[in-house]
Amino acid sequence: LDEPVKADKLGQPKMTAGEAIEVIRALRPGGFAVAEDEEQVHKFAQAAWAKHIEKAQRAFTSRASAAVSSSASPAAPRKTAPAAARVVAQPGDGNCLFHSLAYGLGQATASSLRAEICSFM
């Protein structure tokens, strides 16, 4: 997890903390004497992934800001939104994509659209 983050590859875990615990139990019966030992494995995994995610976010943020600063030229005209455009508030429930799609389609709620898309997939 200390490897540099590549913008096109975030990396995937080889196994979950639970799977790692099962492997350790199979290789070393009694390796976890108390429940706190298992809890430490879960905490380690959470901390490691938090660190990895922060690195990935920094890599993408710096890459995006570099792209914006290189494309923002004082001579380039700024584009303005169409006069009919308006800002629509989104709930903070993490489903902004589905809320936006449902709003644009004007036919469904975000939760019903999400359910329909997920059942299709």
Protein backbone atom coordinates (compact mmCIF):
# COMPACT_ATOMS: atom_id res chain seq x y z
CA LEU A 1 0.00 0.00 0.00
CA ASP A 2 3.01 2.29 0.09
CA GLU A 3 3.48 2.09 -3.68
CA PRO A 4 2.86 5.25 -5.71
CA VAL A 5 -0.70 5.64 -6.93
CA LYS A 6 -1.22 5.41 -10.66
CA ALA A 7 -4.10 7.54 -11.87
CA ASP A 8 -5.54 4.74 -13.99
CA LYS A 9 -5.19 1.98 -11.40
CA LEU A 10 -6.35 2.33 -7.81
CA GLY A 11 -5.56 -1.25 -6.88
CA GLN A 12 -7.82 -3.84 -5.42
CA PRO A 13 -7.40 -5.80 -2.22
CA LYS A 14 -6.31 -9.41 -2.58
CA MET A 15 -8.63 -10.35 0.27
CA THR A 16 -10.81 -8.81 2.92
CA ALA A 17 -9.82 -8.63 6.58
CA GLY A 18 -12.26 -11.49 7.26
CA GLU A 19 -10.67 -13.64 4.56
CA ALA A 20 -7.22 -12.88 5.94
CA ILE A 21 -8.38 -14.00 9.38
CA GLU A 22 -9.69 -17.27 7.91
CA VAL A 23 -6.36 -17.91 6.17
CA ILE A 24 -4.43 -17.26 9.38
CA ARG A 25 -6.74 -19.58 11.30
CA ALA A 26 -6.20 -22.32 8.70
CA LEU A 27 -2.43 -21.90 8.71
CA ARG A 28 -2.06 -21.35 12.42
CA PRO A 29 -4.87 -22.72 14.58
CA GLY A 30 -5.12 -20.70 17.76
CA GLY A 31 -3.39 -17.75 16.10
CA PHE A 32 -6.12 -15.48 17.38
CA ALA A 33 -6.35 -16.08 21.10
CA VAL A 34 -8.89 -13.35 21.81
CA ALA A 35 -11.47 -11.35 19.85
CA GLU A 36 -9.29 -8.24 20.15
CA ASP A 37 -6.73 -9.91 17.86
CA GLU A 38 -9.30 -10.13 15.07
CA GLU A 39 -10.40 -6.58 15.77
CA GLN A 40 -6.80 -5.42 15.29
CA VAL A 41 -6.73 -7.03 11.82
CA HIS A 42 -9.92 -5.18 10.87
CA LYS A 43 -8.56 -1.88 12.24
CA PHE A 44 -5.28 -2.35 10.37
CA ALA A 45 -7.15 -2.99 7.12
CA GLN A 46 -9.31 0.10 7.63
CA ALA A 47 -6.30 2.29 8.39
CA ALA A 48 -4.34 0.94 5.42
CA TRP A 49 -7.21 1.53 3.02
CA ALA A 50 -7.84 5.00 4.43
CA LYS A 51 -4.21 5.87 3.74
CA HIS A 52 -4.43 4.41 0.23
CA ILE A 53 -7.63 6.31 -0.56
CA GLU A 54 -6.11 9.58 0.67
CA LYS A 55 -3.10 9.05 -1.63
CA ALA A 56 -5.38 8.32 -4.57
CA GLN A 57 -7.48 11.40 -3.88
CA ARG A 58 -4.36 13.57 -3.68
CA ALA A 59 -3.06 12.12 -6.96
CA PHE A 60 -6.32 12.76 -8.77
CA THR A 61 -6.78 16.21 -7.21
CA SER A 62 -3.31 17.38 -8.19
CA ARG A 63 -3.75 15.91 -11.67
CA ALA A 64 -7.13 17.61 -12.11
CA SER A 65 -5.88 20.97 -10.85
CA ALA A 66 -2.90 20.76 -13.21
CA ALA A 67 -5.26 20.08 -16.13
CA VAL A 68 -7.49 22.99 -15.15
CA SER A 69 -4.60 25.42 -14.73
CA SER A 70 -3.07 24.41 -18.07
CA SER A 71 -6.39 24.77 -19.90
CA ALA A 72 -7.30 28.09 -18.25
CA SER A 73 -5.75 30.69 -20.47
CA PRO A 74 -6.42 34.42 -20.06
CA ALA A 75 -6.99 34.70 -23.84
CA ALA A 76 -9.58 31.91 -23.90
CA PRO A 77 -13.18 33.13 -23.65
CA ARG A 78 -15.15 31.84 -20.68
CA LYS A 79 -18.23 29.83 -21.47
CA THR A 80 -21.40 30.86 -19.72
CA ALA A 81 -24.37 28.70 -18.91
CA PRO A 82 -27.46 29.01 -21.09
CA ALA A 83 -30.02 31.50 -19.80
CA ALA A 84 -32.53 28.69 -19.20
CA ALA A 85 -30.10 26.75 -16.99
CA ARG A 86 -30.83 26.58 -13.29
CA VAL A 87 -29.21 25.04 -10.26
CA VAL A 88 -31.19 22.23 -8.67
CA ALA A 89 -30.35 21.35 -5.07
CA GLN A 90 -29.42 17.73 -4.42
CA PRO A 91 -29.98 15.84 -1.18
CA GLY A 92 -26.81 14.84 0.62
CA ASP A 93 -27.61 11.12 0.58
CA GLY A 94 -24.84 10.13 -1.84
CA ASN A 95 -27.23 9.43 -4.72
CA CYS A 96 -26.74 12.67 -6.65
CA LEU A 97 -26.28 10.84 -9.95
CA PHE A 98 -29.65 9.12 -9.63
CA HIS A 99 -31.34 12.30 -8.39
CA SER A 100 -29.94 14.19 -11.39
CA LEU A 101 -30.97 11.50 -13.86
CA ALA A 102 -34.45 11.23 -12.35
CA TYR A 103 -34.82 15.02 -12.47
CA GLY A 104 -33.68 15.16 -16.08
CA LEU A 105 -35.95 12.32 -17.15
CA GLY A 106 -38.82 13.72 -15.12
CA GLN A 107 -40.40 10.30 -14.82
CA ALA A 108 -39.11 8.56 -11.71
CA THR A 109 -37.74 9.05 -8.25
CA ALA A 110 -34.04 8.55 -7.60
CA SER A 111 -34.63 5.37 -5.59
CA SER A 112 -36.92 3.79 -8.19
CA LEU A 113 -34.51 4.69 -11.00
CA ARG A 114 -31.59 3.26 -9.05
CA ALA A 115 -33.52 0.04 -8.37
CA GLU A 116 -34.45 -0.27 -12.04
CA ILE A 117 -30.86 0.28 -13.21
CA CYS A 118 -29.47 -2.15 -10.62
CA SER A 119 -31.98 -4.84 -11.56
CA PHE A 120 -31.05 -4.35 -15.22
CA MET A 121 -27.36 -4.83 -14.41
